[in-house]
ModelCIF file with pLDDT and N, C-alpha, C, O atoms, coordinates in Angstrom:
data_MODEL
#
_entry.id   MODEL 
#
_entity.id                         1 
_entity.type                       polymer 
_entity.pdbx_number_of_molecules   1 
#
_entity_poly.entity_id                      1 
_entity_poly.type                           'polypeptide(L)' 
_entity_poly.nstd_linkage                   no 
_entity_poly.nstd_monomer                   no 
_entity_poly.pdbx_seq_one_letter_code       LKYIRCTFVDTMVLMLSKLLYGDRGRFGIQRPLKGPFLLKKETG 
_entity_poly.pdbx_seq_one_letter_code_can   LKYIRCTFVDTMVLMLSKLLYGDRGRFGIQRPLKGPFLLKKETG 
_entity_poly.pdbx_strand_id                 A 
#
loop_
_entity_poly_seq.entity_id 
_entity_poly_seq.num 
_entity_poly_seq.mon_id 
_entity_poly_seq.hetero 
1 1  LEU n 
1 2  LYS n 
1 3  TYR n 
1 4  ILE n 
1 5  ARG n 
1 6  CYS n 
1 7  THR n 
1 8  PHE n 
1 9  VAL n 
1 10 ASP n 
1 11 THR n 
1 12 MET n 
1 13 VAL n 
1 14 LEU n 
1 15 MET n 
1 16 LEU n 
1 17 SER n 
1 18 LYS n 
1 19 LEU n 
1 20 LEU n 
1 21 TYR n 
1 22 GLY n 
1 23 ASP n 
1 24 ARG n 
1 25 GLY n 
1 26 ARG n 
1 27 PHE n 
1 28 GLY n 
1 29 ILE n 
1 30 GLN n 
1 31 ARG n 
1 32 PRO n 
1 33 LEU n 
1 34 LYS n 
1 35 GLY n 
1 36 PRO n 
1 37 PHE n 
1 38 LEU n 
1 39 LEU n 
1 40 LYS n 
1 41 LYS n 
1 42 GLU n 
1 43 THR n 
1 44 GLY n 
#
_struct_asym.id          A 
_struct_asym.entity_id   1 
#
loop_
_ma_qa_metric.id 
_ma_qa_metric.mode 
_ma_qa_metric.name 
_ma_qa_metric.software_group_id 
_ma_qa_metric.type 
1 global pLDDT . pLDDT 
2 local  pLDDT . pLDDT 
#
_ma_qa_metric_global.metric_id      1 
_ma_qa_metric_global.metric_value   94.70 
_ma_qa_metric_global.model_id       1 
_ma_qa_metric_global.ordinal_id     1 
#
loop_
_ma_qa_metric_local.label_asym_id 
_ma_qa_metric_local.label_comp_id 
_ma_qa_metric_local.label_seq_id 
_ma_qa_metric_local.metric_id 
_ma_qa_metric_local.metric_value 
_ma_qa_metric_local.model_id 
_ma_qa_metric_local.ordinal_id 
A LEU 1  2 95.00 1 1  
A LYS 2  2 94.00 1 2  
A TYR 3  2 96.00 1 3  
A ILE 4  2 95.00 1 4  
A ARG 5  2 96.00 1 5  
A CYS 6  2 97.00 1 6  
A THR 7  2 95.00 1 7  
A PHE 8  2 97.00 1 8  
A VAL 9  2 97.00 1 9  
A ASP 10 2 97.00 1 10 
A THR 11 2 97.00 1 11 
A MET 12 2 97.00 1 12 
A VAL 13 2 97.00 1 13 
A LEU 14 2 96.00 1 14 
A MET 15 2 96.00 1 15 
A LEU 16 2 97.00 1 16 
A SER 17 2 96.00 1 17 
A LYS 18 2 94.00 1 18 
A LEU 19 2 95.00 1 19 
A LEU 20 2 94.00 1 20 
A TYR 21 2 94.00 1 21 
A GLY 22 2 92.00 1 22 
A ASP 23 2 90.00 1 23 
A ARG 24 2 90.00 1 24 
A GLY 25 2 90.00 1 25 
A ARG 26 2 90.00 1 26 
A PHE 27 2 92.00 1 27 
A GLY 28 2 93.00 1 28 
A ILE 29 2 95.00 1 29 
A GLN 30 2 95.00 1 30 
A ARG 31 2 94.00 1 31 
A PRO 32 2 96.00 1 32 
A LEU 33 2 94.00 1 33 
A LYS 34 2 96.00 1 34 
A GLY 35 2 97.00 1 35 
A PRO 36 2 97.00 1 36 
A PHE 37 2 96.00 1 37 
A LEU 38 2 97.00 1 38 
A LEU 39 2 96.00 1 39 
A LYS 40 2 94.00 1 40 
A LYS 41 2 94.00 1 41 
A GLU 42 2 95.00 1 42 
A THR 43 2 93.00 1 43 
A GLY 44 2 89.00 1 44 
#
loop_
_atom_site.group_PDB 
_atom_site.id 
_atom_site.type_symbol 
_atom_site.label_atom_id 
_atom_site.label_alt_id 
_atom_site.label_comp_id 
_atom_site.label_asym_id 
_atom_site.label_entity_id 
_atom_site.label_seq_id 
_atom_site.pdbx_PDB_ins_code 
_atom_site.Cartn_x 
_atom_site.Cartn_y 
_atom_site.Cartn_z 
_atom_site.occupancy 
_atom_site.B_iso_or_equiv 
_atom_site.pdbx_formal_charge 
_atom_site.auth_seq_id 
_atom_site.auth_comp_id 
_atom_site.auth_asym_id 
_atom_site.auth_atom_id 
_atom_site.pdbx_PDB_model_num 
ATOM 1   N N  . LEU A 1 1  ? 140.892 76.199  123.736 1.00 95.00 ? 1  LEU A N  1 
ATOM 2   C CA . LEU A 1 1  ? 139.583 76.369  123.547 1.00 95.00 ? 1  LEU A CA 1 
ATOM 3   C C  . LEU A 1 1  ? 139.291 75.159  122.826 1.00 95.00 ? 1  LEU A C  1 
ATOM 4   O O  . LEU A 1 1  ? 138.179 74.688  123.063 1.00 95.00 ? 1  LEU A O  1 
ATOM 5   N N  . LYS A 1 2  ? 140.095 74.471  121.914 1.00 94.00 ? 2  LYS A N  1 
ATOM 6   C CA . LYS A 1 2  ? 139.820 73.012  121.127 1.00 94.00 ? 2  LYS A CA 1 
ATOM 7   C C  . LYS A 1 2  ? 139.499 71.929  122.200 1.00 94.00 ? 2  LYS A C  1 
ATOM 8   O O  . LYS A 1 2  ? 138.875 70.927  121.849 1.00 94.00 ? 2  LYS A O  1 
ATOM 9   N N  . TYR A 1 3  ? 139.907 72.088  123.520 1.00 96.00 ? 3  TYR A N  1 
ATOM 10  C CA . TYR A 1 3  ? 139.655 70.750  124.319 1.00 96.00 ? 3  TYR A CA 1 
ATOM 11  C C  . TYR A 1 3  ? 139.064 71.154  125.742 1.00 96.00 ? 3  TYR A C  1 
ATOM 12  O O  . TYR A 1 3  ? 138.573 70.337  126.521 1.00 96.00 ? 3  TYR A O  1 
ATOM 13  N N  . ILE A 1 4  ? 139.184 72.635  125.999 1.00 95.00 ? 4  ILE A N  1 
ATOM 14  C CA . ILE A 1 4  ? 138.509 72.756  127.278 1.00 95.00 ? 4  ILE A CA 1 
ATOM 15  C C  . ILE A 1 4  ? 137.502 73.855  127.097 1.00 95.00 ? 4  ILE A C  1 
ATOM 16  O O  . ILE A 1 4  ? 137.575 74.788  126.298 1.00 95.00 ? 4  ILE A O  1 
ATOM 17  N N  . ARG A 1 5  ? 136.580 73.607  127.935 1.00 96.00 ? 5  ARG A N  1 
ATOM 18  C CA . ARG A 1 5  ? 135.157 74.835  128.084 1.00 96.00 ? 5  ARG A CA 1 
ATOM 19  C C  . ARG A 1 5  ? 135.807 76.188  128.171 1.00 96.00 ? 5  ARG A C  1 
ATOM 20  O O  . ARG A 1 5  ? 136.923 76.385  128.650 1.00 96.00 ? 5  ARG A O  1 
ATOM 21  N N  . CYS A 1 6  ? 134.931 77.194  127.614 1.00 97.00 ? 6  CYS A N  1 
ATOM 22  C CA . CYS A 1 6  ? 135.282 78.388  127.658 1.00 97.00 ? 6  CYS A CA 1 
ATOM 23  C C  . CYS A 1 6  ? 135.666 79.030  129.147 1.00 97.00 ? 6  CYS A C  1 
ATOM 24  O O  . CYS A 1 6  ? 136.611 79.774  129.410 1.00 97.00 ? 6  CYS A O  1 
ATOM 25  N N  . THR A 1 7  ? 134.647 78.513  130.034 1.00 95.00 ? 7  THR A N  1 
ATOM 26  C CA . THR A 1 7  ? 135.037 79.212  131.329 1.00 95.00 ? 7  THR A CA 1 
ATOM 27  C C  . THR A 1 7  ? 136.116 79.081  132.072 1.00 95.00 ? 7  THR A C  1 
ATOM 28  O O  . THR A 1 7  ? 136.445 79.960  132.868 1.00 95.00 ? 7  THR A O  1 
ATOM 29  N N  . PHE A 1 8  ? 136.979 77.671  131.859 1.00 97.00 ? 8  PHE A N  1 
ATOM 30  C CA . PHE A 1 8  ? 137.988 77.105  132.214 1.00 97.00 ? 8  PHE A CA 1 
ATOM 31  C C  . PHE A 1 8  ? 139.090 77.896  131.567 1.00 97.00 ? 8  PHE A C  1 
ATOM 32  O O  . PHE A 1 8  ? 139.989 78.408  132.233 1.00 97.00 ? 8  PHE A O  1 
ATOM 33  N N  . VAL A 1 9  ? 138.991 78.009  129.973 1.00 97.00 ? 9  VAL A N  1 
ATOM 34  C CA . VAL A 1 9  ? 139.942 78.807  129.804 1.00 97.00 ? 9  VAL A CA 1 
ATOM 35  C C  . VAL A 1 9  ? 140.334 80.380  130.294 1.00 97.00 ? 9  VAL A C  1 
ATOM 36  O O  . VAL A 1 9  ? 141.405 80.969  130.439 1.00 97.00 ? 9  VAL A O  1 
ATOM 37  N N  . ASP A 1 10 ? 138.958 80.746  130.470 1.00 97.00 ? 10 ASP A N  1 
ATOM 38  C CA . ASP A 1 10 ? 139.016 82.315  130.735 1.00 97.00 ? 10 ASP A CA 1 
ATOM 39  C C  . ASP A 1 10 ? 139.795 82.375  132.155 1.00 97.00 ? 10 ASP A C  1 
ATOM 40  O O  . ASP A 1 10 ? 140.660 83.205  132.433 1.00 97.00 ? 10 ASP A O  1 
ATOM 41  N N  . THR A 1 11 ? 139.314 81.309  133.027 1.00 97.00 ? 11 THR A N  1 
ATOM 42  C CA . THR A 1 11 ? 140.049 81.366  134.430 1.00 97.00 ? 11 THR A CA 1 
ATOM 43  C C  . THR A 1 11 ? 141.527 81.450  134.271 1.00 97.00 ? 11 THR A C  1 
ATOM 44  O O  . THR A 1 11 ? 142.300 82.236  134.819 1.00 97.00 ? 11 THR A O  1 
ATOM 45  N N  . MET A 1 12 ? 141.776 80.504  133.427 1.00 97.00 ? 12 MET A N  1 
ATOM 46  C CA . MET A 1 12 ? 143.438 80.012  133.406 1.00 97.00 ? 12 MET A CA 1 
ATOM 47  C C  . MET A 1 12 ? 144.073 81.565  132.721 1.00 97.00 ? 12 MET A C  1 
ATOM 48  O O  . MET A 1 12 ? 144.940 82.194  133.328 1.00 97.00 ? 12 MET A O  1 
ATOM 49  N N  . VAL A 1 13 ? 143.599 81.959  131.625 1.00 97.00 ? 13 VAL A N  1 
ATOM 50  C CA . VAL A 1 13 ? 144.505 83.308  131.032 1.00 97.00 ? 13 VAL A CA 1 
ATOM 51  C C  . VAL A 1 13 ? 144.095 84.276  131.789 1.00 97.00 ? 13 VAL A C  1 
ATOM 52  O O  . VAL A 1 13 ? 144.816 85.253  131.581 1.00 97.00 ? 13 VAL A O  1 
ATOM 53  N N  . LEU A 1 14 ? 142.945 84.592  132.908 1.00 96.00 ? 14 LEU A N  1 
ATOM 54  C CA . LEU A 1 14 ? 142.880 86.045  133.684 1.00 96.00 ? 14 LEU A CA 1 
ATOM 55  C C  . LEU A 1 14 ? 143.785 85.855  134.574 1.00 96.00 ? 14 LEU A C  1 
ATOM 56  O O  . LEU A 1 14 ? 144.405 86.867  134.900 1.00 96.00 ? 14 LEU A O  1 
ATOM 57  N N  . MET A 1 15 ? 144.111 84.734  135.155 1.00 96.00 ? 15 MET A N  1 
ATOM 58  C CA . MET A 1 15 ? 145.127 84.173  136.372 1.00 96.00 ? 15 MET A CA 1 
ATOM 59  C C  . MET A 1 15 ? 146.225 84.695  135.775 1.00 96.00 ? 15 MET A C  1 
ATOM 60  O O  . MET A 1 15 ? 146.699 85.718  136.267 1.00 96.00 ? 15 MET A O  1 
ATOM 61  N N  . LEU A 1 16 ? 146.808 84.139  134.674 1.00 97.00 ? 16 LEU A N  1 
ATOM 62  C CA . LEU A 1 16 ? 148.240 84.391  134.083 1.00 97.00 ? 16 LEU A CA 1 
ATOM 63  C C  . LEU A 1 16 ? 148.081 85.877  133.841 1.00 97.00 ? 16 LEU A C  1 
ATOM 64  O O  . LEU A 1 16 ? 149.060 86.535  134.196 1.00 97.00 ? 16 LEU A O  1 
ATOM 65  N N  . SER A 1 17 ? 147.000 86.606  133.282 1.00 96.00 ? 17 SER A N  1 
ATOM 66  C CA . SER A 1 17 ? 147.049 87.993  132.886 1.00 96.00 ? 17 SER A CA 1 
ATOM 67  C C  . SER A 1 17 ? 147.302 88.849  134.088 1.00 96.00 ? 17 SER A C  1 
ATOM 68  O O  . SER A 1 17 ? 148.032 89.834  133.980 1.00 96.00 ? 17 SER A O  1 
ATOM 69  N N  . LYS A 1 18 ? 146.700 88.505  135.310 1.00 94.00 ? 18 LYS A N  1 
ATOM 70  C CA . LYS A 1 18 ? 146.924 89.391  136.390 1.00 94.00 ? 18 LYS A CA 1 
ATOM 71  C C  . LYS A 1 18 ? 148.324 89.242  136.907 1.00 94.00 ? 18 LYS A C  1 
ATOM 72  O O  . LYS A 1 18 ? 148.849 90.251  137.376 1.00 94.00 ? 18 LYS A O  1 
ATOM 73  N N  . LEU A 1 19 ? 149.070 88.001  136.881 1.00 95.00 ? 19 LEU A N  1 
ATOM 74  C CA . LEU A 1 19 ? 150.185 87.586  137.265 1.00 95.00 ? 19 LEU A CA 1 
ATOM 75  C C  . LEU A 1 19 ? 151.271 88.635  136.285 1.00 95.00 ? 19 LEU A C  1 
ATOM 76  O O  . LEU A 1 19 ? 152.280 89.148  136.771 1.00 95.00 ? 19 LEU A O  1 
ATOM 77  N N  . LEU A 1 20 ? 150.956 88.773  135.225 1.00 94.00 ? 20 LEU A N  1 
ATOM 78  C CA . LEU A 1 20 ? 151.600 89.501  134.127 1.00 94.00 ? 20 LEU A CA 1 
ATOM 79  C C  . LEU A 1 20 ? 151.698 91.123  134.254 1.00 94.00 ? 20 LEU A C  1 
ATOM 80  O O  . LEU A 1 20 ? 152.672 91.854  134.076 1.00 94.00 ? 20 LEU A O  1 
ATOM 81  N N  . TYR A 1 21 ? 150.409 91.425  134.608 1.00 94.00 ? 21 TYR A N  1 
ATOM 82  C CA . TYR A 1 21 ? 150.129 92.981  134.581 1.00 94.00 ? 21 TYR A CA 1 
ATOM 83  C C  . TYR A 1 21 ? 149.952 93.152  135.935 1.00 94.00 ? 21 TYR A C  1 
ATOM 84  O O  . TYR A 1 21 ? 150.723 94.082  136.171 1.00 94.00 ? 21 TYR A O  1 
ATOM 85  N N  . GLY A 1 22 ? 149.444 92.856  136.944 1.00 92.00 ? 22 GLY A N  1 
ATOM 86  C CA . GLY A 1 22 ? 149.170 93.158  138.270 1.00 92.00 ? 22 GLY A CA 1 
ATOM 87  C C  . GLY A 1 22 ? 147.700 93.918  138.058 1.00 92.00 ? 22 GLY A C  1 
ATOM 88  O O  . GLY A 1 22 ? 147.040 93.753  137.032 1.00 92.00 ? 22 GLY A O  1 
ATOM 89  N N  . ASP A 1 23 ? 147.243 94.834  139.239 1.00 90.00 ? 23 ASP A N  1 
ATOM 90  C CA . ASP A 1 23 ? 145.932 95.349  139.456 1.00 90.00 ? 23 ASP A CA 1 
ATOM 91  C C  . ASP A 1 23 ? 146.248 96.731  138.485 1.00 90.00 ? 23 ASP A C  1 
ATOM 92  O O  . ASP A 1 23 ? 147.134 97.571  138.647 1.00 90.00 ? 23 ASP A O  1 
ATOM 93  N N  . ARG A 1 24 ? 145.307 96.663  137.528 1.00 90.00 ? 24 ARG A N  1 
ATOM 94  C CA . ARG A 1 24 ? 145.414 97.750  136.517 1.00 90.00 ? 24 ARG A CA 1 
ATOM 95  C C  . ARG A 1 24 ? 144.183 98.925  137.015 1.00 90.00 ? 24 ARG A C  1 
ATOM 96  O O  . ARG A 1 24 ? 143.974 100.004 136.460 1.00 90.00 ? 24 ARG A O  1 
ATOM 97  N N  . GLY A 1 25 ? 143.509 98.407  138.130 1.00 90.00 ? 25 GLY A N  1 
ATOM 98  C CA . GLY A 1 25 ? 142.192 99.284  138.515 1.00 90.00 ? 25 GLY A CA 1 
ATOM 99  C C  . GLY A 1 25 ? 142.789 100.636 138.974 1.00 90.00 ? 25 GLY A C  1 
ATOM 100 O O  . GLY A 1 25 ? 142.171 101.670 138.719 1.00 90.00 ? 25 GLY A O  1 
ATOM 101 N N  . ARG A 1 26 ? 144.169 100.678 139.756 1.00 90.00 ? 26 ARG A N  1 
ATOM 102 C CA . ARG A 1 26 ? 144.524 101.923 139.968 1.00 90.00 ? 26 ARG A CA 1 
ATOM 103 C C  . ARG A 1 26 ? 145.230 102.825 139.150 1.00 90.00 ? 26 ARG A C  1 
ATOM 104 O O  . ARG A 1 26 ? 145.699 103.870 139.600 1.00 90.00 ? 26 ARG A O  1 
ATOM 105 N N  . PHE A 1 27 ? 145.345 102.434 137.818 1.00 92.00 ? 27 PHE A N  1 
ATOM 106 C CA . PHE A 1 27 ? 145.765 103.127 136.681 1.00 92.00 ? 27 PHE A CA 1 
ATOM 107 C C  . PHE A 1 27 ? 144.244 103.602 136.038 1.00 92.00 ? 27 PHE A C  1 
ATOM 108 O O  . PHE A 1 27 ? 144.312 104.408 135.110 1.00 92.00 ? 27 PHE A O  1 
ATOM 109 N N  . GLY A 1 28 ? 143.198 103.261 136.368 1.00 93.00 ? 28 GLY A N  1 
ATOM 110 C CA . GLY A 1 28 ? 141.798 103.554 135.747 1.00 93.00 ? 28 GLY A CA 1 
ATOM 111 C C  . GLY A 1 28 ? 141.589 102.782 134.604 1.00 93.00 ? 28 GLY A C  1 
ATOM 112 O O  . GLY A 1 28 ? 141.043 103.282 133.620 1.00 93.00 ? 28 GLY A O  1 
ATOM 113 N N  . ILE A 1 29 ? 142.037 101.379 134.622 1.00 95.00 ? 29 ILE A N  1 
ATOM 114 C CA . ILE A 1 29 ? 141.542 100.462 133.814 1.00 95.00 ? 29 ILE A CA 1 
ATOM 115 C C  . ILE A 1 29 ? 140.966 99.079  134.398 1.00 95.00 ? 29 ILE A C  1 
ATOM 116 O O  . ILE A 1 29 ? 141.580 98.138  134.899 1.00 95.00 ? 29 ILE A O  1 
ATOM 117 N N  . GLN A 1 30 ? 139.379 99.282  134.140 1.00 95.00 ? 30 GLN A N  1 
ATOM 118 C CA . GLN A 1 30 ? 138.764 97.758  134.912 1.00 95.00 ? 30 GLN A CA 1 
ATOM 119 C C  . GLN A 1 30 ? 138.605 97.091  134.210 1.00 95.00 ? 30 GLN A C  1 
ATOM 120 O O  . GLN A 1 30 ? 138.623 97.343  133.006 1.00 95.00 ? 30 GLN A O  1 
ATOM 121 N N  . ARG A 1 31 ? 138.332 95.679  134.857 1.00 94.00 ? 31 ARG A N  1 
ATOM 122 C CA . ARG A 1 31 ? 138.042 94.552  134.120 1.00 94.00 ? 31 ARG A CA 1 
ATOM 123 C C  . ARG A 1 31 ? 136.637 94.101  134.032 1.00 94.00 ? 31 ARG A C  1 
ATOM 124 O O  . ARG A 1 31 ? 136.028 94.059  135.102 1.00 94.00 ? 31 ARG A O  1 
ATOM 125 N N  . PRO A 1 32 ? 136.023 93.763  132.982 1.00 96.00 ? 32 PRO A N  1 
ATOM 126 C CA . PRO A 1 32 ? 135.026 93.183  132.805 1.00 96.00 ? 32 PRO A CA 1 
ATOM 127 C C  . PRO A 1 32 ? 134.582 92.300  133.650 1.00 96.00 ? 32 PRO A C  1 
ATOM 128 O O  . PRO A 1 32 ? 135.506 91.897  134.356 1.00 96.00 ? 32 PRO A O  1 
ATOM 129 N N  . LEU A 1 33 ? 133.191 91.632  133.990 1.00 94.00 ? 33 LEU A N  1 
ATOM 130 C CA . LEU A 1 33 ? 132.669 90.733  134.985 1.00 94.00 ? 33 LEU A CA 1 
ATOM 131 C C  . LEU A 1 33 ? 132.947 89.188  134.067 1.00 94.00 ? 33 LEU A C  1 
ATOM 132 O O  . LEU A 1 33 ? 133.453 88.187  134.575 1.00 94.00 ? 33 LEU A O  1 
ATOM 133 N N  . LYS A 1 34 ? 132.577 89.274  132.920 1.00 96.00 ? 34 LYS A N  1 
ATOM 134 C CA . LYS A 1 34 ? 132.868 87.984  132.107 1.00 96.00 ? 34 LYS A CA 1 
ATOM 135 C C  . LYS A 1 34 ? 134.280 88.040  131.658 1.00 96.00 ? 34 LYS A C  1 
ATOM 136 O O  . LYS A 1 34 ? 134.953 89.064  131.538 1.00 96.00 ? 34 LYS A O  1 
ATOM 137 N N  . GLY A 1 35 ? 134.714 86.611  131.384 1.00 97.00 ? 35 GLY A N  1 
ATOM 138 C CA . GLY A 1 35 ? 135.919 86.320  130.987 1.00 97.00 ? 35 GLY A CA 1 
ATOM 139 C C  . GLY A 1 35 ? 136.216 86.856  129.565 1.00 97.00 ? 35 GLY A C  1 
ATOM 140 O O  . GLY A 1 35 ? 135.269 87.387  128.985 1.00 97.00 ? 35 GLY A O  1 
ATOM 141 N N  . PRO A 1 36 ? 137.299 86.791  128.987 1.00 97.00 ? 36 PRO A N  1 
ATOM 142 C CA . PRO A 1 36 ? 137.630 87.343  127.447 1.00 97.00 ? 36 PRO A CA 1 
ATOM 143 C C  . PRO A 1 36 ? 137.039 86.679  126.564 1.00 97.00 ? 36 PRO A C  1 
ATOM 144 O O  . PRO A 1 36 ? 136.275 87.267  125.798 1.00 97.00 ? 36 PRO A O  1 
ATOM 145 N N  . PHE A 1 37 ? 137.226 85.451  126.471 1.00 96.00 ? 37 PHE A N  1 
ATOM 146 C CA . PHE A 1 37 ? 136.650 84.475  125.478 1.00 96.00 ? 37 PHE A CA 1 
ATOM 147 C C  . PHE A 1 37 ? 135.202 84.424  125.677 1.00 96.00 ? 37 PHE A C  1 
ATOM 148 O O  . PHE A 1 37 ? 134.493 84.636  124.693 1.00 96.00 ? 37 PHE A O  1 
ATOM 149 N N  . LEU A 1 38 ? 134.647 84.166  126.839 1.00 97.00 ? 38 LEU A N  1 
ATOM 150 C CA . LEU A 1 38 ? 133.406 84.436  126.659 1.00 97.00 ? 38 LEU A CA 1 
ATOM 151 C C  . LEU A 1 38 ? 132.585 85.730  126.179 1.00 97.00 ? 38 LEU A C  1 
ATOM 152 O O  . LEU A 1 38 ? 131.573 85.763  125.478 1.00 97.00 ? 38 LEU A O  1 
ATOM 153 N N  . LEU A 1 39 ? 133.096 86.478  126.586 1.00 96.00 ? 39 LEU A N  1 
ATOM 154 C CA . LEU A 1 39 ? 132.707 88.084  126.211 1.00 96.00 ? 39 LEU A CA 1 
ATOM 155 C C  . LEU A 1 39 ? 132.896 88.348  124.543 1.00 96.00 ? 39 LEU A C  1 
ATOM 156 O O  . LEU A 1 39 ? 132.201 89.097  123.856 1.00 96.00 ? 39 LEU A O  1 
ATOM 157 N N  . LYS A 1 40 ? 134.025 87.524  124.098 1.00 94.00 ? 40 LYS A N  1 
ATOM 158 C CA . LYS A 1 40 ? 133.975 87.656  122.612 1.00 94.00 ? 40 LYS A CA 1 
ATOM 159 C C  . LYS A 1 40 ? 132.842 86.739  122.133 1.00 94.00 ? 40 LYS A C  1 
ATOM 160 O O  . LYS A 1 40 ? 132.102 87.238  121.285 1.00 94.00 ? 40 LYS A O  1 
ATOM 161 N N  . LYS A 1 41 ? 132.601 85.603  122.491 1.00 94.00 ? 41 LYS A N  1 
ATOM 162 C CA . LYS A 1 41 ? 131.970 84.614  122.000 1.00 94.00 ? 41 LYS A CA 1 
ATOM 163 C C  . LYS A 1 41 ? 130.191 85.445  122.218 1.00 94.00 ? 41 LYS A C  1 
ATOM 164 O O  . LYS A 1 41 ? 129.403 85.290  121.285 1.00 94.00 ? 41 LYS A O  1 
ATOM 165 N N  . GLU A 1 42 ? 129.845 86.058  123.152 1.00 95.00 ? 42 GLU A N  1 
ATOM 166 C CA . GLU A 1 42 ? 128.513 86.713  123.320 1.00 95.00 ? 42 GLU A CA 1 
ATOM 167 C C  . GLU A 1 42 ? 128.376 88.112  122.769 1.00 95.00 ? 42 GLU A C  1 
ATOM 168 O O  . GLU A 1 42 ? 127.250 88.494  122.451 1.00 95.00 ? 42 GLU A O  1 
ATOM 169 N N  . THR A 1 43 ? 129.324 88.841  122.639 1.00 93.00 ? 43 THR A N  1 
ATOM 170 C CA . THR A 1 43 ? 129.051 90.144  122.094 1.00 93.00 ? 43 THR A CA 1 
ATOM 171 C C  . THR A 1 43 ? 130.058 90.630  121.051 1.00 93.00 ? 43 THR A C  1 
ATOM 172 O O  . THR A 1 43 ? 129.887 91.690  120.449 1.00 93.00 ? 43 THR A O  1 
ATOM 173 N N  . GLY A 1 44 ? 131.309 89.684  120.812 1.00 89.00 ? 44 GLY A N  1 
ATOM 174 C CA . GLY A 1 44 ? 131.928 90.152  119.506 1.00 89.00 ? 44 GLY A CA 1 
ATOM 175 C C  . GLY A 1 44 ? 133.078 91.048  120.009 1.00 89.00 ? 44 GLY A C  1 
ATOM 176 O O  . GLY A 1 44 ? 133.818 91.613  119.204 1.00 89.00 ? 44 GLY A O  1 
#
């Protein structure tokens, strides 16, 4: 985040998260539409 735009960081982190955890929707956990760091920035 010190060097790259937040949206790019979110895209990278979410791709790695999906590789790590797979589809969590089938276990009842849905993912927000906005990325994790953008969501933190906008909503806390």
